[in-house]
Amino acid sequence: MGWEGHVTSEPWRGISFHNLKFKDERILYEMSLQDQFVAYSGIQSVGQSYYYDATYQLGGEEFTLRGVCFFEDHQGATTSWRHFDYEDEETSSARDRGIRNYEFVVRTVASVGNYDYMYDIRFQLDGEIRVLVFMAGYMQNTFFDDQWNLTKNDLKFGTRTHEKTLSNIHDHLTSWKLDFDINGTSNSFHKTTLRAGTYDEIFGVGSTPSYASPTSVYKYKDDQTVATEQGWKVTGGEPSIFTISNDAVKDQWGNSKSYGIFIQYTAPQLLPDDHPLLQAAAWTKYNIAVVQRTENESASSTDYFDAHSPMAPITSLDNFMNGQSIVEQDLVNFVSMGIIHVPRTEDIPLISNIGSEFQIKPINFFPQLASLDIVESDNFEACVPRQGAGEFDYVWNGEGNNYQYSKAAFTLSNPLPQAPPVQVFETAG
């Protein structure tokens, strides 16, 4: 598939990749899981608190056997590419070609209390990486008084899912670190905002050419090279594309070699920015943040310690964004994504897997679609007769040992008035 790199799993962060290359070109120096944030809604009452004793002892190291799984997966009926065209218009010969969308998957599961977090990192044939996080397990619930209605107001905070059981609204937010090296470490960060407007709005007053209507509206892109460290929320507002590029390396068309970050679905952090928890979990305020790489800013949180002292954290992403230049620098991106889980009765006793995803895609990095070098191996042909014919042949050819040659003749009771063209389907085996 063309991918290579180093993968490990360590107790502080979880799964981590280093020196990720595609077709001998480094894409990422580091891609690693950083933190997981879960906050439940409800009333914090001192009168309902209970403390118990606990004992911690030091011992030897522990090993989790079979903690990371590697396998190849075919994404249903999807293809990396496909196309239908006419091979010979005179004979109405048509073909439908493509290759199956195989992915190399690295998967690990973290069981944290009641939840199982499944992390899928999927490497694709075209140089794309998909990062998916799925939640499974069972919900953390609270008592619901269905006799005296003493907890009826708690329905604002969740859903009644069983006898004397209220399942609270909560979120699942995940942080990832992306340290790109696009043709080296001299990289810049670009935000491209997609808009619609008239010629005058795009190029300035008086710029509308004579052949264009002053009221015509066109889609266009507004490119911005981000100068200093900052973060963004991607939910709502104008659609934007975020790319990391080496502007000193151009393709033959003058485009900078780049990789883009695309968040497919995410929920926002609903807590206000000044909430005490968000001093330690500042990374949840931004879906994408970019900073200059420094050795003492290696992670977006120090979860073992900051969870117990969130208002005086050791690490806060807000402190990373202190105005340093990010133009032609070694850059680090922190990406957060997640969901807000509104419980339902179908989540009892175990929830159906839910989650979110972001993608890392090449943007003008390759001269053409990188998966075009995959050889097509399966052929499908169906020859339907022309007008007046009563028979047609069906042929299926497959390379290798997976398929056998077969041919069958079929007789039509009512010949078609006009025959469709020959169809060919080719995919990778």
Protein backbone atom coordinates (compact mmCIF):
# COMPACT_ATOMS: atom_id res chain seq x y z
CA MET A 1 0.00 0.00 0.00
CA GLY A 2 3.01 2.30 0.34
CA TRP A 3 2.67 3.16 4.05
CA GLU A 4 5.39 2.71 6.66
CA GLY A 5 6.10 4.03 10.15
CA HIS A 6 6.52 3.19 13.83
CA VAL A 7 3.61 2.53 16.18
CA THR A 8 3.53 2.12 19.94
CA SER A 9 1.08 2.32 22.81
CA GLU A 10 2.07 3.87 26.12
CA PRO A 11 0.15 4.45 29.37
CA TRP A 12 0.24 8.26 29.39
CA ARG A 13 -1.33 8.84 26.00
CA GLY A 14 -2.33 5.64 24.26
CA ILE A 15 -1.60 4.83 20.65
CA SER A 16 1.14 6.83 18.95
CA PHE A 17 2.73 6.85 15.48
CA HIS A 18 6.10 8.27 14.43
CA ASN A 19 7.84 8.83 11.11
CA LEU A 20 4.80 8.05 8.97
CA LYS A 21 5.74 7.83 5.29
CA PHE A 22 3.73 7.24 2.16
CA LYS A 23 5.63 6.10 -0.92
CA ASP A 24 8.92 7.03 0.78
CA GLU A 25 7.83 10.60 1.58
CA ARG A 26 7.40 11.59 5.22
CA ILE A 27 3.96 12.98 6.01
CA LEU A 28 3.97 13.08 9.81
CA TYR A 29 6.76 13.04 12.34
CA GLU A 30 4.20 12.23 15.03
CA MET A 31 0.50 11.41 15.20
CA SER A 32 -0.65 10.50 18.69
CA LEU A 33 -3.68 10.26 20.91
CA GLN A 34 -3.55 12.91 23.64
CA ASP A 35 -6.55 12.90 25.95
CA GLN A 36 -10.20 11.99 26.42
CA PHE A 37 -12.73 14.39 28.00
CA VAL A 38 -16.10 13.28 29.42
CA ALA A 39 -18.38 15.57 31.45
CA TYR A 40 -21.81 14.51 32.74
CA SER A 41 -24.64 16.95 33.38
CA GLY A 42 -26.49 17.23 36.68
CA ILE A 43 -26.48 18.97 40.04
CA GLN A 44 -23.41 18.67 42.25
CA SER A 45 -24.70 18.27 45.79
CA VAL A 46 -22.40 18.05 48.79
CA GLY A 47 -25.12 16.30 50.75
CA GLN A 48 -25.12 13.41 48.29
CA SER A 49 -21.34 12.91 48.37
CA TYR A 50 -19.77 9.84 49.95
CA TYR A 51 -16.09 9.17 50.57
CA TYR A 52 -14.45 5.79 50.95
CA ASP A 53 -10.94 4.62 51.70
CA ALA A 54 -8.61 3.44 48.98
CA THR A 55 -5.20 1.81 48.96
CA TYR A 56 -2.51 2.11 46.29
CA GLN A 57 0.57 -0.08 46.21
CA LEU A 58 3.62 -0.07 43.98
CA GLY A 59 4.35 -3.26 42.11
CA GLY A 60 5.91 -4.61 38.98
CA GLU A 61 5.14 -3.62 35.43
CA GLU A 62 2.06 -4.90 33.63
CA PHE A 63 1.67 -5.84 30.00
CA THR A 64 -1.51 -5.79 27.95
CA LEU A 65 -1.36 -8.70 25.55
CA ARG A 66 -2.73 -8.27 22.03
CA GLY A 67 -3.40 -4.61 22.77
CA VAL A 68 -3.04 -3.37 19.17
CA CYS A 69 -4.49 -5.09 16.10
CA PHE A 70 -3.31 -4.75 12.48
CA PHE A 71 -5.53 -5.87 9.61
CA GLU A 72 -6.70 -5.02 6.11
CA ASP A 73 -10.29 -3.96 5.60
CA HIS A 74 -12.45 -3.44 2.54
CA GLN A 75 -14.88 -0.58 3.08
CA GLY A 76 -18.11 -2.21 1.96
CA ALA A 77 -18.92 -1.45 -1.65
CA THR A 78 -16.82 1.71 -1.88
CA THR A 79 -14.00 2.20 -4.34
CA SER A 80 -10.82 4.24 -4.30
CA TRP A 81 -11.79 5.33 -7.79
CA ARG A 82 -14.32 4.28 -10.43
CA HIS A 83 -15.39 5.51 -13.85
CA PHE A 84 -17.91 4.63 -16.55
CA ASP A 85 -17.17 5.49 -20.16
CA TYR A 86 -17.68 4.27 -23.73
CA GLU A 87 -14.73 2.31 -25.06
CA ASP A 88 -16.16 2.07 -28.57
CA GLU A 89 -19.10 4.30 -29.41
CA GLU A 90 -19.65 2.68 -32.82
CA THR A 91 -20.31 -0.73 -31.28
CA SER A 92 -21.89 0.72 -28.12
CA SER A 93 -19.17 -0.93 -26.07
CA ALA A 94 -19.01 0.58 -22.59
CA ARG A 95 -16.91 -0.15 -19.54
CA ASP A 96 -17.17 0.43 -15.80
CA ARG A 97 -13.81 0.31 -14.01
CA GLY A 98 -12.43 0.89 -10.52
CA ILE A 99 -10.43 -0.51 -7.62
CA ARG A 100 -11.74 -1.58 -4.24
CA ASN A 101 -11.12 0.77 -1.36
CA TYR A 102 -8.83 -1.35 0.78
CA GLU A 103 -7.53 0.16 4.02
CA PHE A 104 -4.73 -0.89 6.34
CA VAL A 105 -6.18 -0.55 9.84
CA VAL A 106 -4.41 -0.14 13.16
CA ARG A 107 -6.92 -0.57 16.00
CA THR A 108 -6.68 -0.41 19.76
CA VAL A 109 -9.28 -0.33 22.53
CA ALA A 110 -9.09 1.53 25.84
CA SER A 111 -11.53 0.38 28.52
CA VAL A 112 -11.97 3.32 30.89
CA GLY A 113 -14.48 2.47 33.60
CA ASN A 114 -17.83 1.84 31.98
CA TYR A 115 -16.83 2.86 28.45
CA ASP A 116 -14.77 1.14 25.78
CA TYR A 117 -13.05 3.57 23.41
CA MET A 118 -12.17 2.02 20.07
CA TYR A 119 -9.54 3.87 18.06
CA ASP A 120 -9.21 3.12 14.35
CA ILE A 121 -6.40 4.62 12.29
CA ARG A 122 -7.06 3.71 8.66
CA PHE A 123 -4.39 4.16 6.00
CA GLN A 124 -5.75 4.37 2.46
CA LEU A 125 -4.39 3.68 -1.01
CA ASP A 126 -4.44 7.34 -2.06
CA GLY A 127 -2.31 8.74 0.80
CA GLU A 128 -5.25 9.60 3.06
CA ILE A 129 -5.47 8.73 6.76
CA ARG A 130 -8.81 8.34 8.52
CA VAL A 131 -8.90 8.60 12.31
CA LEU A 132 -12.07 7.25 13.94
CA VAL A 133 -13.10 7.02 17.57
CA PHE A 134 -16.05 4.83 18.56
CA MET A 135 -17.61 4.57 22.00
CA ALA A 136 -19.08 1.33 23.33
CA GLY A 137 -19.90 -0.15 26.73
CA TYR A 138 -22.58 0.99 29.14
CA MET A 139 -23.67 4.39 30.43
CA GLN A 140 -23.05 5.84 33.86
CA ASN A 141 -26.51 6.31 35.37
CA THR A 142 -28.10 8.01 38.37
CA PHE A 143 -31.08 7.30 40.60
CA PHE A 144 -34.52 8.44 39.44
CA ASP A 145 -37.38 8.68 41.95
CA ASP A 146 -40.50 7.44 40.17
CA GLN A 147 -42.58 7.21 43.38
CA TRP A 148 -42.43 10.63 45.07
CA ASN A 149 -41.23 12.65 42.05
CA LEU A 150 -38.41 14.12 44.11
CA THR A 151 -36.10 13.95 41.08
CA LYS A 152 -38.53 15.00 38.34
CA ASN A 153 -36.43 18.08 37.53
CA ASP A 154 -33.53 15.77 36.71
CA LEU A 155 -35.23 14.96 33.40
CA LYS A 156 -33.69 18.20 32.13
CA PHE A 157 -30.28 16.56 32.53
CA GLY A 158 -30.94 13.26 30.81
CA THR A 159 -33.38 10.53 29.83
CA ARG A 160 -35.24 8.01 31.93
CA THR A 161 -34.09 4.69 30.50
CA HIS A 162 -35.15 2.05 33.05
CA GLU A 163 -36.79 1.48 36.40
CA LYS A 164 -35.49 4.13 38.85
CA THR A 165 -32.76 4.95 36.33
CA LEU A 166 -31.80 8.27 34.74
CA SER A 167 -29.08 8.36 32.10
CA ASN A 168 -27.34 11.74 32.05
CA ILE A 169 -26.35 13.81 29.05
CA HIS A 170 -22.59 13.70 28.56
CA ASP A 171 -19.95 14.24 25.93
CA HIS A 172 -16.96 12.35 24.57
CA LEU A 173 -14.19 14.59 23.23
CA THR A 174 -10.84 13.31 22.00
CA SER A 175 -7.56 15.16 21.39
CA TRP A 176 -4.94 14.20 18.79
CA LYS A 177 -1.51 15.61 18.06
CA LEU A 178 -0.41 15.98 14.42
CA ASP A 179 3.21 16.97 13.80
CA PHE A 180 3.44 17.34 10.02
CA ASP A 181 6.71 17.46 8.12
CA ILE A 182 5.76 18.45 4.56
CA ASN A 183 9.02 18.26 2.60
CA GLY A 184 10.89 19.12 5.78
CA THR A 185 10.08 21.21 8.83
CA SER A 186 9.75 24.65 7.21
CA ASN A 187 5.96 24.60 7.02
CA SER A 188 3.15 27.18 7.00
CA PHE A 189 -0.52 26.94 7.94
CA HIS A 190 -3.29 28.09 5.60
CA LYS A 191 -6.98 28.68 6.16
CA THR A 192 -9.07 28.73 2.98
CA THR A 193 -12.60 30.05 3.53
CA LEU A 194 -15.27 29.25 0.94
CA ARG A 195 -17.70 32.02 0.10
CA ALA A 196 -20.12 33.25 -2.55
CA GLY A 197 -20.21 36.79 -3.93
CA THR A 198 -20.29 39.10 -6.95
CA TYR A 199 -17.27 40.18 -9.00
CA ASP A 200 -17.17 43.46 -7.09
CA GLU A 201 -17.22 41.64 -3.76
CA ILE A 202 -14.45 39.30 -4.86
CA PHE A 203 -12.09 41.69 -6.69
CA GLY A 204 -13.26 45.12 -5.57
CA VAL A 205 -15.72 47.78 -6.70
CA GLY A 206 -15.71 48.37 -10.46
CA SER A 207 -14.10 45.04 -11.33
CA THR A 208 -17.15 43.39 -12.93
CA PRO A 209 -16.31 42.68 -16.61
CA SER A 210 -18.70 43.71 -19.37
CA TYR A 211 -19.75 40.14 -20.10
CA ALA A 212 -20.79 39.44 -16.48
CA SER A 213 -23.95 40.55 -14.74
CA PRO A 214 -23.38 42.79 -11.71
CA THR A 215 -25.85 40.61 -9.79
CA SER A 216 -24.28 37.25 -10.71
CA VAL A 217 -22.96 35.35 -7.69
CA TYR A 218 -19.93 33.07 -7.87
CA LYS A 219 -18.38 30.60 -5.48
CA TYR A 220 -14.80 31.51 -4.60
CA LYS A 221 -12.09 30.82 -2.06
CA ASP A 222 -10.39 33.29 0.23
CA ASP A 223 -6.88 32.07 1.07
CA GLN A 224 -5.14 33.20 4.24
CA THR A 225 -1.65 32.36 5.46
CA VAL A 226 -2.02 32.30 9.24
CA ALA A 227 0.77 34.33 10.82
CA THR A 228 0.68 33.40 14.51
CA GLU A 229 -0.46 30.57 16.78
CA GLN A 230 -4.22 30.23 17.21
CA GLY A 231 -7.19 27.86 17.33
CA TRP A 232 -10.56 27.51 15.59
CA LYS A 233 -13.96 25.93 16.04
CA VAL A 234 -15.28 24.32 12.88
CA THR A 235 -18.94 23.94 13.88
CA GLY A 236 -21.14 26.60 12.28
CA GLY A 237 -19.96 29.62 10.35
CA GLU A 238 -18.39 29.64 6.90
CA PRO A 239 -16.88 26.40 5.58
CA SER A 240 -13.09 26.39 5.67
CA ILE A 241 -10.23 24.15 4.62
CA PHE A 242 -7.15 23.95 6.87
CA THR A 243 -3.87 22.94 5.23
CA ILE A 244 -0.23 22.56 6.20
CA SER A 245 2.17 23.24 3.35
CA ASN A 246 5.74 23.81 2.33
CA ASP A 247 5.36 26.97 0.28
CA ALA A 248 8.92 26.69 -1.03
CA VAL A 249 8.05 23.43 -2.83
CA LYS A 250 5.67 23.85 -5.77
CA ASP A 251 4.25 21.43 -8.29
CA GLN A 252 4.35 22.10 -12.04
CA TRP A 253 1.14 24.14 -11.75
CA GLY A 254 2.44 26.43 -9.02
CA ASN A 255 0.58 24.78 -6.13
CA SER A 256 2.25 24.31 -2.75
CA LYS A 257 2.60 20.70 -1.63
CA SER A 258 0.17 20.35 1.27
CA TYR A 259 -1.87 18.09 3.50
CA GLY A 260 -5.31 19.07 4.79
CA ILE A 261 -7.23 18.34 8.00
CA PHE A 262 -10.93 17.57 7.51
CA ILE A 263 -13.22 16.97 10.49
CA GLN A 264 -16.20 14.98 9.25
CA TYR A 265 -18.42 15.37 12.29
CA THR A 266 -17.88 16.85 15.71
CA ALA A 267 -19.82 18.37 18.56
CA PRO A 268 -18.72 21.63 20.20
CA GLN A 269 -17.61 22.02 23.79
CA LEU A 270 -20.80 23.34 25.43
CA LEU A 271 -19.14 24.57 28.61
CA PRO A 272 -18.21 28.28 28.54
CA ASP A 273 -14.57 29.10 27.85
CA ASP A 274 -14.07 30.40 31.40
CA HIS A 275 -15.39 27.21 33.04
CA PRO A 276 -12.90 25.91 35.66
CA LEU A 277 -12.59 22.51 33.96
CA LEU A 278 -11.46 24.14 30.73
CA GLN A 279 -8.31 25.56 32.23
CA ALA A 280 -6.91 22.04 32.16
CA ALA A 281 -8.97 20.85 29.17
CA ALA A 282 -8.35 23.96 27.06
CA TRP A 283 -7.89 21.73 24.02
CA THR A 284 -11.64 21.03 24.02
CA LYS A 285 -12.34 24.68 23.10
CA TYR A 286 -10.73 24.29 19.66
CA ASN A 287 -11.31 21.75 16.92
CA ILE A 288 -8.04 22.72 15.25
CA ALA A 289 -5.14 24.56 16.88
CA VAL A 290 -1.71 25.24 15.41
CA VAL A 291 1.43 26.13 17.37
CA GLN A 292 5.15 26.34 16.78
CA ARG A 293 6.83 23.12 17.86
CA THR A 294 8.87 23.32 21.06
CA GLU A 295 10.24 20.47 23.17
CA ASN A 296 8.48 21.61 26.36
CA GLU A 297 5.04 21.62 24.67
CA SER A 298 4.91 17.96 23.75
CA ALA A 299 1.30 17.23 24.76
CA SER A 300 -2.02 19.08 25.04
CA SER A 301 -2.63 17.93 28.63
CA THR A 302 -1.10 16.25 31.65
CA ASP A 303 -4.15 14.20 32.43
CA TYR A 304 -2.86 12.18 35.39
CA PHE A 305 -2.34 15.37 37.39
CA ASP A 306 -4.59 17.99 35.81
CA ALA A 307 -7.73 15.90 36.33
CA HIS A 308 -7.29 16.35 40.08
CA SER A 309 -6.40 20.05 39.90
CA PRO A 310 -8.14 21.42 36.80
CA MET A 311 -8.01 25.07 37.90
CA ALA A 312 -4.22 24.95 38.35
CA PRO A 313 -3.10 22.65 35.54
CA ILE A 314 0.45 21.73 34.69
CA THR A 315 -0.42 21.85 30.99
CA SER A 316 -2.94 24.03 29.14
CA LEU A 317 -3.19 24.45 25.38
CA ASP A 318 -4.09 28.10 25.91
CA ASN A 319 -0.55 28.67 27.19
CA PHE A 320 0.90 27.21 23.98
CA MET A 321 -0.73 29.90 21.84
CA ASN A 322 1.40 32.85 22.89
CA GLY A 323 1.80 34.70 19.61
CA GLN A 324 4.79 32.91 18.10
CA SER A 325 5.17 32.94 14.32
CA ILE A 326 3.94 29.89 12.42
CA VAL A 327 5.20 30.95 8.98
CA GLU A 328 7.92 28.63 7.66
CA GLN A 329 8.31 26.95 11.04
CA ASP A 330 8.17 23.44 12.47
CA LEU A 331 4.45 23.22 13.29
CA VAL A 332 2.24 21.06 15.50
CA ASN A 333 -1.53 20.78 15.15
CA PHE A 334 -3.88 19.67 17.90
CA VAL A 335 -7.20 18.31 16.65
CA SER A 336 -10.21 17.63 18.85
CA MET A 337 -13.44 15.94 17.87
CA GLY A 338 -16.28 14.15 19.59
CA ILE A 339 -19.96 13.79 20.26
CA ILE A 340 -22.61 14.84 22.75
CA HIS A 341 -24.46 11.74 23.88
CA VAL A 342 -28.14 12.27 24.63
CA PRO A 343 -29.14 8.88 26.10
CA ARG A 344 -32.06 6.83 24.78
CA THR A 345 -33.70 3.61 25.87
CA GLU A 346 -31.94 1.79 23.04
CA ASP A 347 -28.68 2.43 24.92
CA ILE A 348 -29.76 -0.07 27.60
CA PRO A 349 -28.08 -2.33 28.59
CA LEU A 350 -25.21 -1.57 26.18
CA ILE A 351 -24.93 1.34 23.80
CA SER A 352 -24.69 0.86 20.06
CA ASN A 353 -21.34 2.07 18.81
CA ILE A 354 -21.25 5.82 18.20
CA GLY A 355 -18.36 8.07 17.32
CA SER A 356 -16.70 10.70 15.18
CA GLU A 357 -13.96 11.01 12.59
CA PHE A 358 -11.39 13.30 11.04
CA GLN A 359 -9.32 12.80 7.90
CA ILE A 360 -5.86 13.81 6.73
CA LYS A 361 -5.79 14.22 2.95
CA PRO A 362 -3.11 15.15 0.41
CA ILE A 363 -3.70 18.55 -1.20
CA ASN A 364 -1.62 18.99 -4.38
CA PHE A 365 0.96 16.69 -2.77
CA PHE A 366 0.99 14.17 -5.63
CA PRO A 367 0.89 14.91 -9.38
CA GLN A 368 -2.20 12.71 -9.74
CA LEU A 369 -4.40 10.30 -7.80
CA ALA A 370 -1.90 8.20 -5.87
CA SER A 371 -3.92 4.97 -6.12
CA LEU A 372 -3.84 4.86 -9.93
CA ASP A 373 -0.79 2.59 -9.75
CA ILE A 374 -2.97 -0.23 -8.36
CA VAL A 375 -3.55 -2.78 -11.12
CA GLU A 376 -7.15 -3.70 -11.90
CA SER A 377 -7.63 -7.46 -11.63
CA ASP A 378 -11.32 -8.37 -12.02
CA ASN A 379 -13.39 -7.98 -15.15
CA PHE A 380 -17.13 -8.10 -15.59
CA GLU A 381 -18.75 -8.11 -19.02
CA ALA A 382 -22.40 -8.36 -19.96
CA CYS A 383 -23.21 -8.30 -23.66
CA VAL A 384 -26.88 -7.61 -24.30
CA PRO A 385 -28.05 -8.26 -27.90
CA ARG A 386 -28.93 -5.63 -30.41
CA GLN A 387 -32.46 -5.15 -31.67
CA GLY A 388 -34.01 -8.37 -32.88
CA ALA A 389 -31.51 -10.71 -31.22
CA GLY A 390 -32.77 -13.35 -28.85
CA GLU A 391 -29.66 -14.46 -27.00
CA PHE A 392 -26.81 -12.87 -25.10
CA ASP A 393 -23.66 -14.10 -23.39
CA TYR A 394 -22.58 -13.45 -19.81
CA VAL A 395 -18.85 -13.71 -19.09
CA TRP A 396 -16.95 -13.25 -15.81
CA ASN A 397 -13.18 -13.36 -15.76
CA GLY A 398 -11.03 -13.27 -12.61
CA GLU A 399 -7.28 -13.33 -12.25
CA GLY A 400 -5.55 -15.57 -9.75
CA ASN A 401 -7.20 -18.41 -7.86
CA ASN A 402 -10.14 -16.47 -6.46
CA TYR A 403 -12.47 -16.81 -9.42
CA GLN A 404 -13.15 -19.34 -12.15
CA TYR A 405 -13.99 -18.66 -15.76
CA SER A 406 -17.68 -19.12 -16.47
CA LYS A 407 -19.90 -18.55 -19.45
CA ALA A 408 -23.61 -18.98 -19.87
CA ALA A 409 -26.03 -18.31 -22.72
CA PHE A 410 -29.50 -16.96 -21.99
CA THR A 411 -32.50 -16.89 -24.31
CA LEU A 412 -34.83 -13.90 -24.16
CA SER A 413 -38.53 -14.62 -24.56
CA ASN A 414 -39.14 -10.99 -25.60
CA PRO A 415 -36.07 -9.50 -27.27
CA LEU A 416 -35.31 -5.96 -26.23
CA PRO A 417 -36.19 -3.24 -28.74
CA GLN A 418 -32.77 -1.63 -28.34
CA ALA A 419 -29.74 -3.25 -26.76
CA PRO A 420 -27.78 -1.49 -24.03
CA PRO A 421 -24.01 -1.37 -24.56
CA VAL A 422 -21.47 -3.86 -23.28
CA GLN A 423 -20.55 -3.19 -19.64
CA VAL A 424 -17.17 -3.94 -18.09
CA PHE A 425 -16.38 -3.77 -14.37
CA GLU A 426 -12.80 -4.08 -13.16
CA THR A 427 -11.62 -3.93 -9.54
CA ALA A 428 -8.54 -4.85 -7.58
CA GLY A 429 -8.62 -8.39 -6.28
